[in-house]
Amino acid sequence: DTDTIWTKGVGWTIENGVAARDGDPTGSGIEQANIFNIDLQYRLSFYHDYNTAGTMPVYVGQGSQKILDIASSDASISIDFTSTVTADKILFQGNRSYDGAIDNVSVKQLIEVA
């Protein structure tokens, strides 16, 4: 997506639809608000480009519910989860000099079929 719908921390940039972090030693994240409601199921999908350092946990809210922790990998990632907190944002938190990129982020609410 564009730069305007994401809030970026230290070291994050968005260029040509790809969010990247430059390995800055300050832990910081990139987030988008108005995403989740408690007790609903979601599918998070994105592409993670190989990183040379650090990890990137992914949270619902500000560290409230960790749904994933990514280390060095180059892969398409998809995870289904239920939001267990009242939180309105997704946070990709670049830790410990994280150096990598994410692309094609998609969050979809899963509809329960009766």
PDB file of N, CA and C in Angstrom:
ATOM      1  N   ASP A   1       0.826  -1.191   0.000  1.00  0.00           N
ATOM      2  CA  ASP A   1       0.000   0.000   0.000  1.00  0.00           C
ATOM      3  C   ASP A   1       0.863   1.245   0.000  1.00  0.00           C
ATOM      4  N   THR A   2       0.214   2.334   0.161  1.00  0.00           N
ATOM      5  CA  THR A   2       0.922   3.613   0.129  1.00  0.00           C
ATOM      6  C   THR A   2       1.435   3.994   1.504  1.00  0.00           C
ATOM      7  N   ASP A   3       2.282   4.957   1.490  1.00  0.00           N
ATOM      8  CA  ASP A   3       2.913   5.496   2.684  1.00  0.00           C
ATOM      9  C   ASP A   3       1.888   6.137   3.622  1.00  0.00           C
ATOM     10  N   THR A   4       0.776   6.618   3.102  1.00  0.00           N
ATOM     11  CA  THR A   4      -0.155   7.420   3.890  1.00  0.00           C
ATOM     12  C   THR A   4      -1.024   6.625   4.859  1.00  0.00           C
ATOM     13  N   ILE A   5      -1.219   5.334   4.655  1.00  0.00           N
ATOM     14  CA  ILE A   5      -2.100   4.583   5.556  1.00  0.00           C
ATOM     15  C   ILE A   5      -1.336   3.806   6.623  1.00  0.00           C
ATOM     16  N   TRP A   6      -0.027   3.888   6.623  1.00  0.00           N
ATOM     17  CA  TRP A   6       0.808   3.229   7.617  1.00  0.00           C
ATOM     18  C   TRP A   6       1.513   4.266   8.470  1.00  0.00           C
ATOM     19  N   THR A   7       1.669   3.969   9.756  1.00  0.00           N
ATOM     20  CA  THR A   7       2.493   4.781  10.642  1.00  0.00           C
ATOM     21  C   THR A   7       3.830   4.064  10.769  1.00  0.00           C
ATOM     22  N   LYS A   8       4.905   4.769  10.458  1.00  0.00           N
ATOM     23  CA  LYS A   8       6.232   4.145  10.409  1.00  0.00           C
ATOM     24  C   LYS A   8       7.099   4.645  11.557  1.00  0.00           C
ATOM     25  N   GLY A   9       7.846   3.709  12.162  1.00  0.00           N
ATOM     26  CA  GLY A   9       8.825   4.042  13.178  1.00  0.00           C
ATOM     27  C   GLY A   9      10.194   4.275  12.553  1.00  0.00           C
ATOM     28  N   VAL A  10      11.195   4.446  13.399  1.00  0.00           N
ATOM     29  CA  VAL A  10      12.573   4.702  12.979  1.00  0.00           C
ATOM     30  C   VAL A  10      13.071   3.616  12.037  1.00  0.00           C
ATOM     31  N   GLY A  11      13.640   4.023  10.918  1.00  0.00           N
ATOM     32  CA  GLY A  11      14.260   3.091   9.986  1.00  0.00           C
ATOM     33  C   GLY A  11      13.349   2.472   8.952  1.00  0.00           C
ATOM     34  N   TRP A  12      12.029   2.690   9.050  1.00  0.00           N
ATOM     35  CA  TRP A  12      11.082   2.119   8.098  1.00  0.00           C
ATOM     36  C   TRP A  12      10.830   3.073   6.939  1.00  0.00           C
ATOM     37  N   THR A  13      10.722   2.528   5.736  1.00  0.00           N
ATOM     38  CA  THR A  13      10.329   3.281   4.550  1.00  0.00           C
ATOM     39  C   THR A  13       9.328   2.448   3.756  1.00  0.00           C
ATOM     40  N   ILE A  14       8.542   3.113   2.951  1.00  0.00           N
ATOM     41  CA  ILE A  14       7.670   2.423   2.006  1.00  0.00           C
ATOM     42  C   ILE A  14       7.976   3.006   0.635  1.00  0.00           C
ATOM     43  N   GLU A  15       8.382   2.129  -0.271  1.00  0.00           N
ATOM     44  CA  GLU A  15       8.691   2.552  -1.624  1.00  0.00           C
ATOM     45  C   GLU A  15       8.186   1.489  -2.592  1.00  0.00           C
ATOM     46  N   ASN A  16       7.450   1.928  -3.600  1.00  0.00           N
ATOM     47  CA  ASN A  16       6.865   1.011  -4.586  1.00  0.00           C
ATOM     48  C   ASN A  16       6.032  -0.090  -3.929  1.00  0.00           C
ATOM     49  N   GLY A  17       5.339   0.256  -2.850  1.00  0.00           N
ATOM     50  CA  GLY A  17       4.458  -0.692  -2.179  1.00  0.00           C
ATOM     51  C   GLY A  17       5.134  -1.672  -1.242  1.00  0.00           C
ATOM     52  N   VAL A  18       6.454  -1.551  -1.050  1.00  0.00           N
ATOM     53  CA  VAL A  18       7.201  -2.456  -0.181  1.00  0.00           C
ATOM     54  C   VAL A  18       7.669  -1.690   1.064  1.00  0.00           C
ATOM     55  N   ALA A  19       7.356  -2.242   2.241  1.00  0.00           N
ATOM     56  CA  ALA A  19       7.818  -1.647   3.497  1.00  0.00           C
ATOM     57  C   ALA A  19       9.134  -2.316   3.885  1.00  0.00           C
ATOM     58  N   ALA A  20      10.160  -1.506   4.121  1.00  0.00           N
ATOM     59  CA  ALA A  20      11.477  -2.048   4.445  1.00  0.00           C
ATOM     60  C   ALA A  20      12.057  -1.336   5.654  1.00  0.00           C
ATOM     61  N   ARG A  21      12.870  -2.069   6.387  1.00  0.00           N
ATOM     62  CA  ARG A  21      13.568  -1.507   7.551  1.00  0.00           C
ATOM     63  C   ARG A  21      15.055  -1.688   7.346  1.00  0.00           C
ATOM     64  N   ASP A  22      15.818  -0.676   7.734  1.00  0.00           N
ATOM     65  CA  ASP A  22      17.237  -0.578   7.382  1.00  0.00           C
ATOM     66  C   ASP A  22      18.226  -1.115   8.407  1.00  0.00           C
ATOM     67  N   GLY A  23      17.775  -1.811   9.429  1.00  0.00           N
ATOM     68  CA  GLY A  23      18.691  -2.362  10.413  1.00  0.00           C
ATOM     69  C   GLY A  23      19.055  -1.408  11.529  1.00  0.00           C
ATOM     70  N   ASP A  24      18.363  -0.284  11.638  1.00  0.00           N
ATOM     71  CA  ASP A  24      18.621   0.660  12.726  1.00  0.00           C
ATOM     72  C   ASP A  24      18.526  -0.083  14.062  1.00  0.00           C
ATOM     73  N   PRO A  25      19.471   0.158  15.000  1.00  0.00           N
ATOM     74  CA  PRO A  25      19.461  -0.579  16.268  1.00  0.00           C
ATOM     75  C   PRO A  25      18.278  -0.259  17.182  1.00  0.00           C
ATOM     76  N   THR A  26      17.551   0.812  16.912  1.00  0.00           N
ATOM     77  CA  THR A  26      16.373   1.156  17.705  1.00  0.00           C
ATOM     78  C   THR A  26      15.214   0.270  17.265  1.00  0.00           C
ATOM     79  N   GLY A  27      14.602  -0.427  18.202  1.00  0.00           N
ATOM     80  CA  GLY A  27      13.431  -1.228  17.859  1.00  0.00           C
ATOM     81  C   GLY A  27      12.293  -0.310  17.456  1.00  0.00           C
ATOM     82  N   SER A  28      11.676  -0.575  16.323  1.00  0.00           N
ATOM     83  CA  SER A  28      10.547   0.232  15.882  1.00  0.00           C
ATOM     84  C   SER A  28       9.688  -0.576  14.938  1.00  0.00           C
ATOM     85  N   GLY A  29       8.470  -0.119  14.770  1.00  0.00           N
ATOM     86  CA  GLY A  29       7.537  -0.879  13.960  1.00  0.00           C
ATOM     87  C   GLY A  29       6.862  -0.059  12.892  1.00  0.00           C
ATOM     88  N   ILE A  30       6.045  -0.767  12.143  1.00  0.00           N
ATOM     89  CA  ILE A  30       5.160  -0.154  11.163  1.00  0.00           C
ATOM     90  C   ILE A  30       3.778  -0.689  11.487  1.00  0.00           C
ATOM     91  N   GLU A  31       2.785   0.193  11.485  1.00  0.00           N
ATOM     92  CA  GLU A  31       1.460  -0.220  11.918  1.00  0.00           C
ATOM     93  C   GLU A  31       0.368   0.427  11.089  1.00  0.00           C
ATOM     94  N   GLN A  32      -0.787  -0.238  11.114  1.00  0.00           N
ATOM     95  CA  GLN A  32      -1.974   0.306  10.472  1.00  0.00           C
ATOM     96  C   GLN A  32      -3.140   0.153  11.434  1.00  0.00           C
ATOM     97  N   ALA A  33      -3.905   1.225  11.595  1.00  0.00           N
ATOM     98  CA  ALA A  33      -5.000   1.252  12.567  1.00  0.00           C
ATOM     99  C   ALA A  33      -6.328   0.811  11.941  1.00  0.00           C
ATOM    100  N   ASN A  34      -7.313   0.643  12.824  1.00  0.00           N
ATOM    101  CA  ASN A  34      -8.690   0.314  12.448  1.00  0.00           C
ATOM    102  C   ASN A  34      -8.804  -1.000  11.688  1.00  0.00           C
ATOM    103  N   ILE A  35      -8.258  -2.059  12.285  1.00  0.00           N
ATOM    104  CA  ILE A  35      -8.213  -3.357  11.613  1.00  0.00           C
ATOM    105  C   ILE A  35      -9.067  -4.418  12.324  1.00  0.00           C
ATOM    106  N   PHE A  36      -8.885  -4.630  13.637  1.00  0.00           N
ATOM    107  CA  PHE A  36      -9.412  -5.811  14.325  1.00  0.00           C
ATOM    108  C   PHE A  36     -10.518  -5.500  15.326  1.00  0.00           C
ATOM    109  N   ASN A  37     -11.357  -6.524  15.552  1.00  0.00           N
ATOM    110  CA  ASN A  37     -12.337  -6.523  16.631  1.00  0.00           C
ATOM    111  C   ASN A  37     -12.148  -7.799  17.432  1.00  0.00           C
ATOM    112  N   ILE A  38     -12.397  -7.735  18.739  1.00  0.00           N
ATOM    113  CA  ILE A  38     -12.196  -8.876  19.630  1.00  0.00           C
ATOM    114  C   ILE A  38     -13.101 -10.045  19.239  1.00  0.00           C
ATOM    115  N   ASP A  39     -12.559 -11.259  19.394  1.00  0.00           N
ATOM    116  CA  ASP A  39     -13.261 -12.529  19.187  1.00  0.00           C
ATOM    117  C   ASP A  39     -13.632 -12.834  17.736  1.00  0.00           C
ATOM    118  N   LEU A  40     -13.108 -12.083  16.789  1.00  0.00           N
ATOM    119  CA  LEU A  40     -13.347 -12.398  15.384  1.00  0.00           C
ATOM    120  C   LEU A  40     -12.109 -13.073  14.804  1.00  0.00           C
ATOM    121  N   GLN A  41     -12.339 -13.905  13.785  1.00  0.00           N
ATOM    122  CA  GLN A  41     -11.235 -14.628  13.150  1.00  0.00           C
ATOM    123  C   GLN A  41     -10.746 -13.850  11.929  1.00  0.00           C
ATOM    124  N   TYR A  42      -9.408 -13.894  11.752  1.00  0.00           N
ATOM    125  CA  TYR A  42      -8.777 -13.181  10.646  1.00  0.00           C
ATOM    126  C   TYR A  42      -7.718 -14.050   9.992  1.00  0.00           C
ATOM    127  N   ARG A  43      -7.392 -13.700   8.755  1.00  0.00           N
ATOM    128  CA  ARG A  43      -6.261 -14.305   8.055  1.00  0.00           C
ATOM    129  C   ARG A  43      -5.313 -13.160   7.669  1.00  0.00           C
ATOM    130  N   LEU A  44      -4.076 -13.260   8.153  1.00  0.00           N
ATOM    131  CA  LEU A  44      -3.016 -12.318   7.799  1.00  0.00           C
ATOM    132  C   LEU A  44      -2.105 -12.993   6.789  1.00  0.00           C
ATOM    133  N   SER A  45      -1.890 -12.349   5.659  1.00  0.00           N
ATOM    134  CA  SER A  45      -0.994 -12.872   4.630  1.00  0.00           C
ATOM    135  C   SER A  45      -0.054 -11.753   4.198  1.00  0.00           C
ATOM    136  N   PHE A  46       1.194 -12.112   3.910  1.00  0.00           N
ATOM    137  CA  PHE A  46       2.159 -11.149   3.388  1.00  0.00           C
ATOM    138  C   PHE A  46       3.390 -11.885   2.894  1.00  0.00           C
ATOM    139  N   TYR A  47       4.233 -11.167   2.183  1.00  0.00           N
ATOM    140  CA  TYR A  47       5.501 -11.729   1.729  1.00  0.00           C
ATOM    141  C   TYR A  47       6.610 -11.091   2.554  1.00  0.00           C
ATOM    142  N   HIS A  48       7.488 -11.929   3.095  1.00  0.00           N
ATOM    143  CA  HIS A  48       8.614 -11.455   3.899  1.00  0.00           C
ATOM    144  C   HIS A  48       9.898 -11.682   3.117  1.00  0.00           C
ATOM    145  N   ASP A  49      10.625 -10.597   2.829  1.00  0.00           N
ATOM    146  CA  ASP A  49      11.915 -10.698   2.146  1.00  0.00           C
ATOM    147  C   ASP A  49      12.999 -11.003   3.155  1.00  0.00           C
ATOM    148  N   TYR A  50      13.952 -11.808   2.743  1.00  0.00           N
ATOM    149  CA  TYR A  50      15.058 -12.228   3.602  1.00  0.00           C
ATOM    150  C   TYR A  50      15.661 -11.043   4.343  1.00  0.00           C
ATOM    151  N   ASN A  51      15.932 -11.251   5.602  1.00  0.00           N
ATOM    152  CA  ASN A  51      16.593 -10.215   6.394  1.00  0.00           C
ATOM    153  C   ASN A  51      17.939 -10.734   6.880  1.00  0.00           C
ATOM    154  N   THR A  52      18.833  -9.812   7.140  1.00  0.00           N
ATOM    155  CA  THR A  52      20.182 -10.194   7.556  1.00  0.00           C
ATOM    156  C   THR A  52      20.392 -10.111   9.052  1.00  0.00           C
ATOM    157  N   ALA A  53      19.462  -9.505   9.773  1.00  0.00           N
ATOM    158  CA  ALA A  53      19.629  -9.375  11.219  1.00  0.00           C
ATOM    159  C   ALA A  53      18.279  -9.181  11.895  1.00  0.00           C
ATOM    160  N   GLY A  54      18.201  -9.602  13.148  1.00  0.00           N
ATOM    161  CA  GLY A  54      17.034  -9.333  13.976  1.00  0.00           C
ATOM    162  C   GLY A  54      15.831 -10.205  13.687  1.00  0.00           C
ATOM    163  N   THR A  55      14.759  -9.902  14.400  1.00  0.00           N
ATOM    164  CA  THR A  55      13.487 -10.599  14.254  1.00  0.00           C
ATOM    165  C   THR A  55      12.372  -9.580  14.100  1.00  0.00           C
ATOM    166  N   MET A  56      11.215 -10.066  13.666  1.00  0.00           N
ATOM    167  CA  MET A  56      10.068  -9.185  13.513  1.00  0.00           C
ATOM    168  C   MET A  56       8.818  -9.874  14.035  1.00  0.00           C
ATOM    169  N   PRO A  57       8.476  -9.653  15.315  1.00  0.00           N
ATOM    170  CA  PRO A  57       7.194 -10.150  15.793  1.00  0.00           C
ATOM    171  C   PRO A  57       6.052  -9.340  15.192  1.00  0.00           C
ATOM    172  N   VAL A  58       4.902  -9.989  15.041  1.00  0.00           N
ATOM    173  CA  VAL A  58       3.713  -9.332  14.515  1.00  0.00           C
ATOM    174  C   VAL A  58       2.652  -9.395  15.607  1.00  0.00           C
ATOM    175  N   TYR A  59       2.041  -8.246  15.898  1.00  0.00           N
ATOM    176  CA  TYR A  59       1.089  -8.141  17.003  1.00  0.00           C
ATOM    177  C   TYR A  59      -0.263  -7.614  16.539  1.00  0.00           C
ATOM    178  N   VAL A  60      -1.301  -8.024  17.274  1.00  0.00           N
ATOM    179  CA  VAL A  60      -2.586  -7.346  17.252  1.00  0.00           C
ATOM    180  C   VAL A  60      -2.497  -6.349  18.400  1.00  0.00           C
ATOM    181  N   GLY A  61      -2.582  -5.080  18.104  1.00  0.00           N
ATOM    182  CA  GLY A  61      -2.437  -4.052  19.126  1.00  0.00           C
ATOM    183  C   GLY A  61      -0.980  -3.761  19.430  1.00  0.00           C
ATOM    184  N   GLN A  62      -0.750  -3.002  20.468  1.00  0.00           N
ATOM    185  CA  GLN A  62       0.596  -2.578  20.855  1.00  0.00           C
ATOM    186  C   GLN A  62       1.221  -3.624  21.771  1.00  0.00           C
ATOM    187  N   GLY A  63       1.634  -4.746  21.191  1.00  0.00           N
ATOM    188  CA  GLY A  63       2.268  -5.803  21.964  1.00  0.00           C
ATOM    189  C   GLY A  63       1.297  -6.649  22.767  1.00  0.00           C
ATOM    190  N   SER A  64       0.008  -6.494  22.519  1.00  0.00           N
ATOM    191  CA  SER A  64      -0.999  -7.203  23.304  1.00  0.00           C
ATOM    192  C   SER A  64      -1.090  -8.681  22.959  1.00  0.00           C
ATOM    193  N   GLN A  65      -1.186  -9.012  21.687  1.00  0.00           N
ATOM    194  CA  GLN A  65      -1.358 -10.395  21.246  1.00  0.00           C
ATOM    195  C   GLN A  65      -0.360 -10.672  20.126  1.00  0.00           C
ATOM    196  N   LYS A  66       0.695 -11.423  20.439  1.00  0.00           N
ATOM    197  CA  LYS A  66       1.662 -11.784  19.403  1.00  0.00           C
ATOM    198  C   LYS A  66       1.075 -12.925  18.585  1.00  0.00           C
ATOM    199  N   ILE A  67       1.023 -12.730  17.261  1.00  0.00           N
ATOM    200  CA  ILE A  67       0.471 -13.781  16.407  1.00  0.00           C
ATOM    201  C   ILE A  67       1.544 -14.482  15.591  1.00  0.00           C
ATOM    202  N   LEU A  68       2.748 -13.931  15.572  1.00  0.00           N
ATOM    203  CA  LEU A  68       3.804 -14.484  14.741  1.00  0.00           C
ATOM    204  C   LEU A  68       5.134 -13.861  15.126  1.00  0.00           C
ATOM    205  N   ASP A  69       6.222 -14.617  14.980  1.00  0.00           N
ATOM    206  CA  ASP A  69       7.561 -14.071  15.189  1.00  0.00           C
ATOM    207  C   ASP A  69       8.435 -14.578  14.045  1.00  0.00           C
ATOM    208  N   ILE A  70       8.899 -13.666  13.228  1.00  0.00           N
ATOM    209  CA  ILE A  70       9.622 -14.031  12.018  1.00  0.00           C
ATOM    210  C   ILE A  70      11.115 -13.794  12.205  1.00  0.00           C
ATOM    211  N   ALA A  71      11.909 -14.793  11.878  1.00  0.00           N
ATOM    212  CA  ALA A  71      13.364 -14.660  11.853  1.00  0.00           C
ATOM    213  C   ALA A  71      13.789 -14.652  10.386  1.00  0.00           C
ATOM    214  N   SER A  72      15.039 -14.940  10.124  1.00  0.00           N
ATOM    215  CA  SER A  72      15.547 -14.927   8.753  1.00  0.00           C
ATOM    216  C   SER A  72      14.774 -15.905   7.883  1.00  0.00           C
ATOM    217  N   SER A  73      14.052 -15.369   6.932  1.00  0.00           N
ATOM    218  CA  SER A  73      13.297 -16.200   6.003  1.00  0.00           C
ATOM    219  C   SER A  73      12.948 -15.373   4.776  1.00  0.00           C
ATOM    220  N   ASP A  74      12.644 -16.046   3.726  1.00  0.00           N
ATOM    221  CA  ASP A  74      12.237 -15.434   2.478  1.00  0.00           C
ATOM    222  C   ASP A  74      11.032 -16.229   2.027  1.00  0.00           C
ATOM    223  N   ALA A  75       9.833 -15.793   2.414  1.00  0.00           N
ATOM    224  CA  ALA A  75       8.687 -16.662   2.218  1.00  0.00           C
ATOM    225  C   ALA A  75       7.370 -15.907   2.170  1.00  0.00           C
ATOM    226  N   SER A  76       6.380 -16.535   1.551  1.00  0.00           N
ATOM    227  CA  SER A  76       5.002 -16.077   1.650  1.00  0.00           C
ATOM    228  C   SER A  76       4.448 -16.646   2.948  1.00  0.00           C
ATOM    229  N   ILE A  77       3.829 -15.806   3.734  1.00  0.00           N
ATOM    230  CA  ILE A  77       3.359 -16.212   5.054  1.00  0.00           C
ATOM    231  C   ILE A  77       1.854 -15.969   5.131  1.00  0.00           C
ATOM    232  N   SER A  78       1.135 -16.934   5.704  1.00  0.00           N
ATOM    233  CA  SER A  78      -0.294 -16.799   5.921  1.00  0.00           C
ATOM    234  C   SER A  78      -0.619 -17.473   7.249  1.00  0.00           C
ATOM    235  N   ILE A  79      -1.347 -16.759   8.099  1.00  0.00           N
ATOM    236  CA  ILE A  79      -1.710 -17.312   9.400  1.00  0.00           C
ATOM    237  C   ILE A  79      -3.141 -16.909   9.736  1.00  0.00           C
ATOM    238  N   ASP A  80      -3.916 -17.873  10.242  1.00  0.00           N
ATOM    239  CA  ASP A  80      -5.272 -17.612  10.714  1.00  0.00           C
ATOM    240  C   ASP A  80      -5.224 -17.503  12.234  1.00  0.00           C
ATOM    241  N   PHE A  81      -5.983 -16.569  12.780  1.00  0.00           N
ATOM    242  CA  PHE A  81      -6.001 -16.376  14.232  1.00  0.00           C
ATOM    243  C   PHE A  81      -7.293 -15.689  14.633  1.00  0.00           C
ATOM    244  N   THR A  82      -7.589 -15.764  15.922  1.00  0.00           N
ATOM    245  CA  THR A  82      -8.721 -15.060  16.506  1.00  0.00           C
ATOM    246  C   THR A  82      -8.171 -13.940  17.373  1.00  0.00           C
ATOM    247  N   SER A  83      -8.675 -12.744  17.177  1.00  0.00           N
ATOM    248  CA  SER A  83      -8.237 -11.612  17.984  1.00  0.00           C
ATOM    249  C   SER A  83      -8.750 -11.805  19.410  1.00  0.00           C
ATOM    250  N   THR A  84      -7.833 -11.844  20.381  1.00  0.00           N
ATOM    251  CA  THR A  84      -8.216 -12.067  21.776  1.00  0.00           C
ATOM    252  C   THR A  84      -8.220 -10.779  22.594  1.00  0.00           C
ATOM    253  N   VAL A  85      -7.928  -9.676  21.944  1.00  0.00           N
ATOM    254  CA  VAL A  85      -7.894  -8.387  22.643  1.00  0.00           C
ATOM    255  C   VAL A  85      -8.702  -7.368  21.859  1.00  0.00           C
ATOM    256  N   THR A  86      -9.147  -6.344  22.550  1.00  0.00           N
ATOM    257  CA  THR A  86      -9.764  -5.222  21.869  1.00  0.00           C
ATOM    258  C   THR A  86      -8.632  -4.328  21.395  1.00  0.00           C
ATOM    259  N   ALA A  87      -8.337  -4.415  20.140  1.00  0.00           N
ATOM    260  CA  ALA A  87      -7.228  -3.642  19.566  1.00  0.00           C
ATOM    261  C   ALA A  87      -7.600  -3.281  18.145  1.00  0.00           C
ATOM    262  N   ASP A  88      -7.117  -2.158  17.711  1.00  0.00           N
ATOM    263  CA  ASP A  88      -7.526  -1.740  16.382  1.00  0.00           C
ATOM    264  C   ASP A  88      -6.378  -1.672  15.387  1.00  0.00           C
ATOM    265  N   LYS A  89      -5.243  -2.275  15.707  1.00  0.00           N
ATOM    266  CA  LYS A  89      -4.144  -2.147  14.752  1.00  0.00           C
ATOM    267  C   LYS A  89      -3.338  -3.420  14.619  1.00  0.00           C
ATOM    268  N   ILE A  90      -2.645  -3.492  13.477  1.00  0.00           N
ATOM    269  CA  ILE A  90      -1.653  -4.527  13.265  1.00  0.00           C
ATOM    270  C   ILE A  90      -0.300  -3.845  13.361  1.00  0.00           C
ATOM    271  N   LEU A  91       0.635  -4.511  14.046  1.00  0.00           N
ATOM    272  CA  LEU A  91       1.961  -3.951  14.270  1.00  0.00           C
ATOM    273  C   LEU A  91       3.025  -4.960  13.858  1.00  0.00           C
ATOM    274  N   PHE A  92       3.840  -4.590  12.888  1.00  0.00           N
ATOM    275  CA  PHE A  92       5.029  -5.352  12.513  1.00  0.00           C
ATOM    276  C   PHE A  92       6.182  -4.677  13.245  1.00  0.00           C
ATOM    277  N   GLN A  93       6.726  -5.334  14.270  1.00  0.00           N
ATOM    278  CA  GLN A  93       7.715  -4.720  15.158  1.00  0.00           C
ATOM    279  C   GLN A  93       9.126  -5.199  14.818  1.00  0.00           C
ATOM    280  N   GLY A  94       9.921  -4.343  14.208  1.00  0.00           N
ATOM    281  CA  GLY A  94      11.308  -4.693  13.894  1.00  0.00           C
ATOM    282  C   GLY A  94      12.169  -4.610  15.148  1.00  0.00           C
ATOM    283  N   ASN A  95      12.689  -5.734  15.614  1.00  0.00           N
ATOM    284  CA  ASN A  95      13.504  -5.791  16.828  1.00  0.00           C
ATOM    285  C   ASN A  95      14.972  -6.038  16.505  1.00  0.00           C
ATOM    286  N   ARG A  96      15.830  -5.757  17.462  1.00  0.00           N
ATOM    287  CA  ARG A  96      17.254  -6.103  17.413  1.00  0.00           C
ATOM    288  C   ARG A  96      17.885  -5.891  16.049  1.00  0.00           C
ATOM    289  N   SER A  97      17.875  -4.666  15.587  1.00  0.00           N
ATOM    290  CA  SER A  97      18.490  -4.288  14.310  1.00  0.00           C
ATOM    291  C   SER A  97      17.876  -5.011  13.119  1.00  0.00           C
ATOM    292  N   TYR A  98      16.586  -5.259  13.180  1.00  0.00           N
ATOM    293  CA  TYR A  98      15.889  -5.940  12.090  1.00  0.00           C
ATOM    294  C   TYR A  98      16.183  -5.261  10.748  1.00  0.00           C
ATOM    295  N   ASP A  99      16.509  -6.074   9.775  1.00  0.00           N
ATOM    296  CA  ASP A  99      16.814  -5.618   8.423  1.00  0.00           C
ATOM    297  C   ASP A  99      16.062  -6.526   7.455  1.00  0.00           C
ATOM    298  N   GLY A 100      14.971  -6.034   6.900  1.00  0.00           N
ATOM    299  CA  GLY A 100      14.176  -6.843   5.994  1.00  0.00           C
ATOM    300  C   GLY A 100      13.021  -6.041   5.429  1.00  0.00           C
ATOM    301  N   ALA A 101      12.108  -6.726   4.749  1.00  0.00           N
ATOM    302  CA  ALA A 101      11.001  -6.045   4.096  1.00  0.00           C
ATOM    303  C   ALA A 101       9.752  -6.920   4.076  1.00  0.00           C
ATOM    304  N   ILE A 102       8.596  -6.252   3.992  1.00  0.00           N
ATOM    305  CA  ILE A 102       7.322  -6.947   3.847  1.00  0.00           C
ATOM    306  C   ILE A 102       6.568  -6.337   2.666  1.00  0.00           C
ATOM    307  N   ASP A 103       5.795  -7.187   2.009  1.00  0.00           N
ATOM    308  CA  ASP A 103       5.092  -6.765   0.814  1.00  0.00           C
ATOM    309  C   ASP A 103       3.769  -7.526   0.738  1.00  0.00           C
ATOM    310  N   ASN A 104       2.822  -6.974   0.023  1.00  0.00           N
ATOM    311  CA  ASN A 104       1.525  -7.622  -0.222  1.00  0.00           C
ATOM    312  C   ASN A 104       0.809  -8.012   1.065  1.00  0.00           C
ATOM    313  N   VAL A 105       0.752  -7.102   2.027  1.00  0.00           N
ATOM    314  CA  VAL A 105       0.069  -7.365   3.295  1.00  0.00           C
ATOM    315  C   VAL A 105      -1.439  -7.360   3.067  1.00  0.00           C
ATOM    316  N   SER A 106      -2.092  -8.408   3.587  1.00  0.00           N
ATOM    317  CA  SER A 106      -3.531  -8.534   3.468  1.00  0.00           C
ATOM    318  C   SER A 106      -4.087  -9.049   4.797  1.00  0.00           C
ATOM    319  N   VAL A 107      -5.127  -8.392   5.299  1.00  0.00           N
ATOM    320  CA  VAL A 107      -5.835  -8.867   6.496  1.00  0.00           C
ATOM    321  C   VAL A 107      -7.296  -9.007   6.096  1.00  0.00           C
ATOM    322  N   LYS A 108      -7.821 -10.221   6.271  1.00  0.00           N
ATOM    323  CA  LYS A 108      -9.223 -10.472   5.915  1.00  0.00           C
ATOM    324  C   LYS A 108      -9.928 -11.128   7.089  1.00  0.00           C
ATOM    325  N   GLN A 109     -11.140 -10.659   7.365  1.00  0.00           N
ATOM    326  CA  GLN A 109     -11.947 -11.310   8.378  1.00  0.00           C
ATOM    327  C   GLN A 109     -12.511 -12.578   7.783  1.00  0.00           C
ATOM    328  N   LEU A 110     -12.415 -13.674   8.531  1.00  0.00           N
ATOM    329  CA  LEU A 110     -12.940 -14.957   8.083  1.00  0.00           C
ATOM    330  C   LEU A 110     -14.391 -15.075   8.533  1.00  0.00           C
ATOM    331  N   ILE A 111     -15.225 -15.473   7.630  1.00  0.00           N
ATOM    332  CA  ILE A 111     -16.654 -15.605   7.911  1.00  0.00           C
ATOM    333  C   ILE A 111     -16.936 -17.031   8.353  1.00  0.00           C
ATOM    334  N   GLU A 112     -17.615 -17.148   9.484  1.00  0.00           N
ATOM    335  CA  GLU A 112     -17.962 -18.466  10.000  1.00  0.00           C
ATOM    336  C   GLU A 112     -19.222 -18.949   9.294  1.00  0.00           C
ATOM    337  N   VAL A 113     -19.150 -20.148   8.731  1.00  0.00           N
ATOM    338  CA  VAL A 113     -20.288 -20.713   8.006  1.00  0.00           C
ATOM    339  C   VAL A 113     -21.062 -21.600   8.957  1.00  0.00           C
ATOM    340  N   ALA A 114     -22.354 -21.341   9.065  1.00  0.00           N
ATOM    341  CA  ALA A 114     -23.211 -22.104   9.988  1.00  0.00           C
ATOM    342  C   ALA A 114     -23.647 -23.400   9.382  1.00  0.00           C
TER     343      ALA A 114
END
